[in-house]
Amino acid sequence: MHIYTLTMNPAIDLFIDTLQYQPNQVNRSQEWHVHANGKGVNVSLVLQQLGVSSRAMGFCGGFTGEFLVKTLQENSIASYFIQGEGVTRINSFVYVHENQSEFKINNPGPKANEEQRIALIQMIQEHLQPEDIIIISGSYLGVVDRPYMMHLIDIISAKGAKLVFDVDDTELFWYAVQHKPYLVKPSEEELIRFFAYPSVEEGDDSLDRASSILIEKGVAHVIISLGARGAYYAHQHLRLYAPAPQGKVVNTSCAGDAMLATFVAKQAVADLPLADALAYAVAAGSSTAFVPILSDLHDIESLKSRIHVQSMAKGEQL
């Protein structure tokens, strides 16, 4: 079995740590980091830290694309990225200590040309096998269009591989659900959009209702990331809730990717009990939220020990 990650619109992320952030003046940072990013790239990096190999696919270009591929190679991750025109985007994240606020600026990525789009389809058709897992995560708009993404999902379904889906696009989400994916991981905010809920409040049954609909439609595993509240999980008739451990949140941009990668590593690869896999996933997400860049997971065991997974009866409210 091979695990593939697919990142259509990767990025180089610039993380800036500053005491103040004032308009119309020069602001100086205390420290800064650059990090190869993109949701699928993050998943590959976390999988590698957990001792699980993967093959990273997608589009990249320019000097930032070269940095991305070099980062993957330095981490012993097989790069299947297709180089093309344009420059892989740079995103900026600024943490301001004065008011403990976080600013995020995401830039558009370069559009994939016809040659790149054909090459990716051929690569998936050539390499993907029925026992494989392929994780599609992150943005794609501006790089390719929705019909192209639907075509990729059709190919993956025809191959019989396990699809893990984490893309914020309502129409594409429901198209993926029609193909009975192995795992979907919407955030709480995405869930509100996907199901046209007015909100998801503590004490209502929105999480159970939404996950039950997805399970009934053939999704094998559902993880709903709840930010500082942890994660809600559904599989068949099982419902679990894992509260996140307390800690100082520094950067939330990669936490969901760490959660997704760790669940795949612990459940689909290591075959741990589902409650343990979920606890590890929330611990990895929290570990990443507590540092400026993607965590090295040095504290994952200690964080997991503080997470007490609760079994929820079907229809039970949080």
Protein backbone atom coordinates (compact mmCIF):
# COMPACT_ATOMS: atom_id res chain seq x y z
CA MET A 1 0.00 0.00 0.00
CA HIS A 2 1.19 3.51 -0.85
CA ILE A 3 -0.12 6.82 0.49
CA TYR A 4 -0.31 9.74 -1.93
CA THR A 5 -0.97 13.35 -1.00
CA LEU A 6 -2.27 15.74 -3.62
CA THR A 7 -1.69 19.49 -3.20
CA MET A 8 -2.95 21.50 -6.15
CA ASN A 9 -1.94 24.90 -4.78
CA PRO A 10 1.09 24.56 -2.45
CA ALA A 11 2.80 27.51 -0.83
CA ILE A 12 5.83 28.72 0.98
CA ASP A 13 4.60 30.12 4.29
CA LEU A 14 6.32 33.03 5.98
CA PHE A 15 5.70 33.08 9.74
CA ILE A 16 6.42 36.38 11.52
CA ASP A 17 6.48 36.90 15.28
CA THR A 18 6.24 40.53 16.43
CA LEU A 19 5.48 42.53 19.57
CA GLN A 20 3.31 45.08 17.76
CA TYR A 21 1.71 45.44 14.33
CA GLN A 22 0.90 49.05 13.55
CA PRO A 23 -0.34 50.58 10.26
CA ASN A 24 1.68 53.15 8.29
CA GLN A 25 4.98 52.44 10.00
CA VAL A 26 7.85 49.97 9.87
CA ASN A 27 7.12 46.95 12.08
CA ARG A 28 10.08 44.79 13.11
CA SER A 29 9.81 41.12 13.84
CA GLN A 30 11.27 39.25 16.79
CA GLU A 31 11.77 36.16 14.66
CA TRP A 32 10.60 34.67 11.37
CA HIS A 33 10.50 31.27 9.68
CA VAL A 34 9.83 30.00 6.18
CA HIS A 35 8.17 26.65 5.70
CA ALA A 36 7.11 24.60 2.67
CA ASN A 37 3.36 24.36 2.97
CA GLY A 38 0.11 23.37 1.37
CA LYS A 39 -2.29 21.06 3.13
CA GLY A 40 -1.17 17.89 1.35
CA VAL A 41 2.49 18.82 1.80
CA ASN A 42 1.88 19.23 5.53
CA VAL A 43 0.20 15.83 5.65
CA SER A 44 3.25 14.22 4.00
CA LEU A 45 5.62 15.96 6.42
CA VAL A 46 3.65 14.81 9.48
CA LEU A 47 3.30 11.27 8.14
CA GLN A 48 7.08 11.14 7.73
CA GLN A 49 7.59 12.25 11.34
CA LEU A 50 5.34 9.36 12.38
CA GLY A 51 7.40 6.90 10.36
CA VAL A 52 4.90 6.56 7.51
CA SER A 53 6.15 7.17 3.97
CA SER A 54 4.10 8.96 1.35
CA ARG A 55 4.38 10.27 -2.18
CA ALA A 56 3.62 13.97 -2.59
CA MET A 57 1.88 15.07 -5.80
CA GLY A 58 0.81 18.43 -7.17
CA PHE A 59 1.89 21.46 -9.16
CA CYS A 60 4.72 23.89 -8.41
CA GLY A 61 6.95 26.42 -10.16
CA GLY A 62 9.74 28.96 -9.87
CA PHE A 63 12.29 29.36 -7.09
CA THR A 64 9.64 28.72 -4.45
CA GLY A 65 8.66 25.49 -6.21
CA GLU A 66 12.31 24.42 -6.10
CA PHE A 67 12.37 25.15 -2.36
CA LEU A 68 9.24 23.03 -1.92
CA VAL A 69 10.70 20.03 -3.76
CA LYS A 70 14.01 20.40 -1.90
CA THR A 71 12.18 20.39 1.44
CA LEU A 72 10.37 17.18 0.53
CA GLN A 73 13.59 15.52 -0.57
CA GLU A 74 15.41 16.61 2.60
CA ASN A 75 12.64 14.92 4.59
CA SER A 76 12.91 11.70 2.54
CA ILE A 77 9.52 12.23 0.92
CA ALA A 78 9.16 11.16 -2.71
CA SER A 79 8.23 14.23 -4.76
CA TYR A 80 5.90 13.72 -7.70
CA PHE A 81 5.35 17.47 -8.13
CA ILE A 82 5.03 18.65 -11.70
CA GLN A 83 7.00 21.82 -12.44
CA GLY A 84 5.35 24.44 -14.60
CA GLU A 85 5.10 28.11 -15.39
CA GLY A 86 4.64 30.74 -12.72
CA VAL A 87 5.90 30.87 -9.16
CA THR A 88 4.52 28.85 -6.26
CA ARG A 89 2.81 31.36 -3.96
CA ILE A 90 4.10 32.81 -0.68
CA ASN A 91 1.63 33.22 2.19
CA SER A 92 2.21 35.35 5.29
CA PHE A 93 1.19 34.74 8.90
CA VAL A 94 1.82 37.38 11.56
CA TYR A 95 1.46 36.71 15.30
CA VAL A 96 1.20 39.89 17.39
CA HIS A 97 2.05 39.53 21.09
CA GLU A 98 0.59 42.88 22.12
CA ASN A 99 -2.99 41.69 21.66
CA GLN A 100 -2.36 37.98 21.02
CA SER A 101 -3.85 38.21 17.54
CA GLU A 102 -3.00 36.38 14.34
CA PHE A 103 -3.11 37.83 10.81
CA LYS A 104 -3.18 35.58 7.73
CA ILE A 105 -2.63 36.64 4.11
CA ASN A 106 -3.01 33.96 1.44
CA ASN A 107 -1.98 34.69 -2.13
CA PRO A 108 -3.32 33.05 -5.31
CA GLY A 109 -1.25 30.35 -6.97
CA PRO A 110 -0.21 30.09 -10.63
CA LYS A 111 -2.64 28.46 -13.05
CA ALA A 112 -1.62 24.97 -14.17
CA ASN A 113 -1.18 24.74 -17.93
CA GLU A 114 -2.64 22.00 -20.13
CA GLU A 115 0.60 20.02 -20.16
CA GLN A 116 0.73 19.95 -16.36
CA ARG A 117 -2.93 18.96 -16.04
CA ILE A 118 -2.51 16.05 -18.46
CA ALA A 119 0.72 14.94 -16.77
CA LEU A 120 -0.97 14.74 -13.34
CA ILE A 121 -3.84 12.66 -14.70
CA GLN A 122 -1.39 10.29 -16.38
CA MET A 123 0.66 10.01 -13.21
CA ILE A 124 -2.37 9.06 -11.10
CA GLN A 125 -3.58 6.56 -13.71
CA GLU A 126 -0.13 4.99 -13.89
CA HIS A 127 0.72 4.75 -10.19
CA LEU A 128 -2.49 4.51 -8.15
CA GLN A 129 -3.52 0.99 -7.09
CA PRO A 130 -6.72 -0.29 -5.40
CA GLU A 131 -5.02 -0.76 -2.01
CA ASP A 132 -3.57 2.77 -1.98
CA ILE A 133 -4.74 5.84 -0.07
CA ILE A 134 -4.84 9.22 -1.79
CA ILE A 135 -5.37 12.38 0.26
CA ILE A 136 -6.74 15.42 -1.58
CA SER A 137 -6.51 18.51 0.59
CA GLY A 138 -6.28 22.25 0.26
CA SER A 139 -7.36 24.87 -2.24
CA TYR A 140 -7.38 24.44 -6.01
CA LEU A 141 -9.28 27.46 -7.36
CA GLY A 142 -7.19 29.52 -9.75
CA VAL A 143 -4.88 26.57 -10.42
CA VAL A 144 -7.41 24.19 -12.01
CA ASP A 145 -11.20 24.31 -12.24
CA ARG A 146 -13.86 22.26 -10.48
CA PRO A 147 -14.59 19.95 -13.47
CA TYR A 148 -10.91 18.95 -13.49
CA MET A 149 -11.08 18.08 -9.77
CA MET A 150 -14.26 16.07 -10.39
CA HIS A 151 -12.45 14.19 -13.14
CA LEU A 152 -9.63 13.33 -10.72
CA ILE A 153 -12.18 12.00 -8.20
CA ASP A 154 -13.75 9.89 -10.98
CA ILE A 155 -10.33 8.39 -11.80
CA ILE A 156 -9.55 7.66 -8.15
CA SER A 157 -12.96 6.02 -7.71
CA ALA A 158 -12.51 3.90 -10.83
CA LYS A 159 -9.11 2.78 -9.54
CA GLY A 160 -10.73 1.59 -6.31
CA ALA A 161 -8.27 3.50 -4.11
CA LYS A 162 -9.25 4.97 -0.74
CA LEU A 163 -10.02 8.68 -1.05
CA VAL A 164 -9.37 11.00 1.88
CA PHE A 165 -10.95 14.39 1.18
CA ASP A 166 -10.27 17.74 2.87
CA VAL A 167 -11.16 20.55 0.47
CA ASP A 168 -13.25 23.63 1.30
CA ASP A 169 -15.67 23.61 -1.64
CA THR A 170 -19.31 22.77 -1.06
CA GLU A 171 -20.10 21.44 -4.54
CA LEU A 172 -16.89 19.42 -4.79
CA PHE A 173 -17.39 18.08 -1.26
CA TRP A 174 -20.78 16.60 -2.12
CA TYR A 175 -19.42 15.26 -5.39
CA ALA A 176 -16.69 13.46 -3.44
CA VAL A 177 -19.26 12.12 -0.97
CA GLN A 178 -21.13 10.50 -3.89
CA HIS A 179 -17.99 8.39 -4.45
CA LYS A 180 -18.06 7.06 -0.86
CA PRO A 181 -14.68 8.32 0.37
CA TYR A 182 -12.71 6.59 3.09
CA LEU A 183 -12.46 9.74 5.21
CA VAL A 184 -13.65 13.35 5.12
CA LYS A 185 -12.44 16.03 7.56
CA PRO A 186 -14.50 19.21 7.41
CA SER A 187 -13.89 21.93 9.95
CA GLU A 188 -16.75 23.32 12.00
CA GLU A 189 -16.91 26.38 9.72
CA GLU A 190 -16.91 24.22 6.58
CA LEU A 191 -19.65 22.02 8.02
CA ILE A 192 -21.88 25.06 8.42
CA ARG A 193 -21.41 25.90 4.73
CA PHE A 194 -21.67 22.31 3.43
CA PHE A 195 -24.95 21.67 5.26
CA ALA A 196 -26.30 25.25 5.17
CA TYR A 197 -26.59 25.28 8.96
CA PRO A 198 -27.04 28.72 10.54
CA SER A 199 -24.43 27.75 13.16
CA VAL A 200 -23.07 24.85 15.18
CA GLU A 201 -23.56 25.57 18.86
CA GLU A 202 -22.64 23.64 21.96
CA GLY A 203 -25.71 21.76 23.09
CA ASP A 204 -27.27 21.17 19.67
CA ASP A 205 -27.12 17.95 17.65
CA SER A 206 -25.71 19.41 14.43
CA LEU A 207 -22.51 17.37 14.56
CA ASP A 208 -24.34 14.08 14.96
CA ARG A 209 -26.94 14.93 12.31
CA ALA A 210 -24.30 15.96 9.76
CA SER A 211 -21.99 13.00 10.41
CA SER A 212 -24.93 10.57 10.31
CA ILE A 213 -25.94 11.87 6.89
CA LEU A 214 -22.39 11.39 5.62
CA ILE A 215 -22.15 7.87 7.06
CA GLU A 216 -25.50 6.96 5.49
CA LYS A 217 -24.19 8.18 2.12
CA GLY A 218 -21.24 5.79 2.35
CA VAL A 219 -18.42 7.79 3.96
CA ALA A 220 -16.43 5.37 6.12
CA HIS A 221 -14.89 7.85 8.60
CA VAL A 222 -15.86 11.42 9.48
CA ILE A 223 -13.70 13.78 11.54
CA ILE A 224 -15.07 17.23 12.27
CA SER A 225 -12.34 19.51 13.58
CA LEU A 226 -13.62 21.92 16.21
CA GLY A 227 -10.58 24.12 16.76
CA ALA A 228 -9.89 24.72 20.45
CA ARG A 229 -12.77 22.36 21.34
CA GLY A 230 -11.06 19.31 19.78
CA ALA A 231 -12.71 16.94 17.32
CA TYR A 232 -15.89 14.93 16.75
CA TYR A 233 -15.66 11.54 15.05
CA ALA A 234 -18.14 9.17 13.43
CA HIS A 235 -17.81 5.67 11.98
CA GLN A 236 -20.81 3.43 11.38
CA HIS A 237 -22.77 3.68 14.68
CA LEU A 238 -19.79 4.90 16.72
CA ARG A 239 -19.62 8.54 17.85
CA LEU A 240 -16.60 9.92 19.72
CA TYR A 241 -15.60 13.31 21.04
CA ALA A 242 -12.00 14.23 21.88
CA PRO A 243 -11.54 17.57 23.70
CA ALA A 244 -8.32 19.42 22.92
CA PRO A 245 -5.76 19.91 25.69
CA GLN A 246 -5.19 23.42 27.04
CA GLY A 247 -2.19 25.41 25.78
CA LYS A 248 -1.06 28.71 24.31
CA VAL A 249 -2.17 28.83 20.67
CA VAL A 250 0.48 30.43 18.43
CA ASN A 251 -0.56 29.40 14.90
CA THR A 252 -3.59 27.42 13.77
CA SER A 253 -2.86 27.19 10.04
CA CYS A 254 -1.43 23.66 10.01
CA ALA A 255 -3.24 22.05 12.96
CA GLY A 256 -5.95 20.37 10.87
CA ASP A 257 -3.34 18.89 8.52
CA ALA A 258 -1.44 17.40 11.47
CA MET A 259 -4.71 15.98 12.81
CA LEU A 260 -5.59 14.39 9.47
CA ALA A 261 -2.15 12.91 8.88
CA THR A 262 -1.94 11.44 12.36
CA PHE A 263 -5.36 9.82 12.16
CA VAL A 264 -4.44 8.18 8.85
CA ALA A 265 -1.12 7.00 10.30
CA LYS A 266 -2.64 5.61 13.49
CA GLN A 267 -5.88 4.20 12.07
CA ALA A 268 -5.35 3.21 8.43
CA VAL A 269 -1.70 2.18 8.80
CA ALA A 270 -1.10 1.20 12.45
CA ASP A 271 -4.70 -0.03 12.94
CA LEU A 272 -4.97 1.33 16.48
CA PRO A 273 -8.32 1.35 18.26
CA LEU A 274 -10.38 4.26 16.92
CA ALA A 275 -10.45 6.15 20.23
CA ASP A 276 -6.64 5.99 20.44
CA ALA A 277 -6.24 7.09 16.81
CA LEU A 278 -8.54 10.07 17.45
CA ALA A 279 -6.69 11.03 20.64
CA TYR A 280 -3.36 10.96 18.81
CA ALA A 281 -4.87 13.05 16.00
CA VAL A 282 -6.11 15.76 18.36
CA ALA A 283 -2.78 15.68 20.22
CA ALA A 284 -0.89 16.25 16.94
CA GLY A 285 -3.20 19.10 15.97
CA SER A 286 -2.73 20.73 19.36
CA SER A 287 1.05 20.26 19.25
CA THR A 288 1.12 22.11 15.93
CA ALA A 289 -1.19 24.90 17.16
CA PHE A 290 1.20 25.58 20.05
CA VAL A 291 4.23 26.36 17.82
CA PRO A 292 4.89 28.85 14.97
CA ILE A 293 5.41 26.18 12.29
CA LEU A 294 4.50 22.55 11.77
CA SER A 295 5.29 20.69 15.00
CA ASP A 296 7.95 17.99 15.28
CA LEU A 297 5.44 16.16 17.54
CA HIS A 298 7.96 15.79 20.38
CA ASP A 299 5.11 16.28 22.88
CA ILE A 300 2.48 14.11 21.21
CA GLU A 301 2.55 11.39 23.88
CA SER A 302 2.26 13.84 26.78
CA LEU A 303 -0.57 15.69 25.06
CA LYS A 304 -2.37 12.45 24.26
CA SER A 305 -2.24 11.46 27.93
CA ARG A 306 -4.29 14.59 28.71
CA ILE A 307 -7.04 13.76 26.19
CA HIS A 308 -9.95 11.70 27.47
CA VAL A 309 -12.03 10.52 24.52
CA GLN A 310 -15.75 10.37 25.25
CA SER A 311 -18.11 7.88 23.66
CA MET A 312 -21.26 9.62 22.49
CA ALA A 313 -24.61 7.93 22.00
CA LYS A 314 -26.10 8.49 18.55
CA GLY A 315 -28.03 11.75 18.74
CA GLU A 316 -26.29 12.83 21.96
CA GLN A 317 -25.37 16.49 22.16
CA LEU A 318 -21.93 17.83 23.07
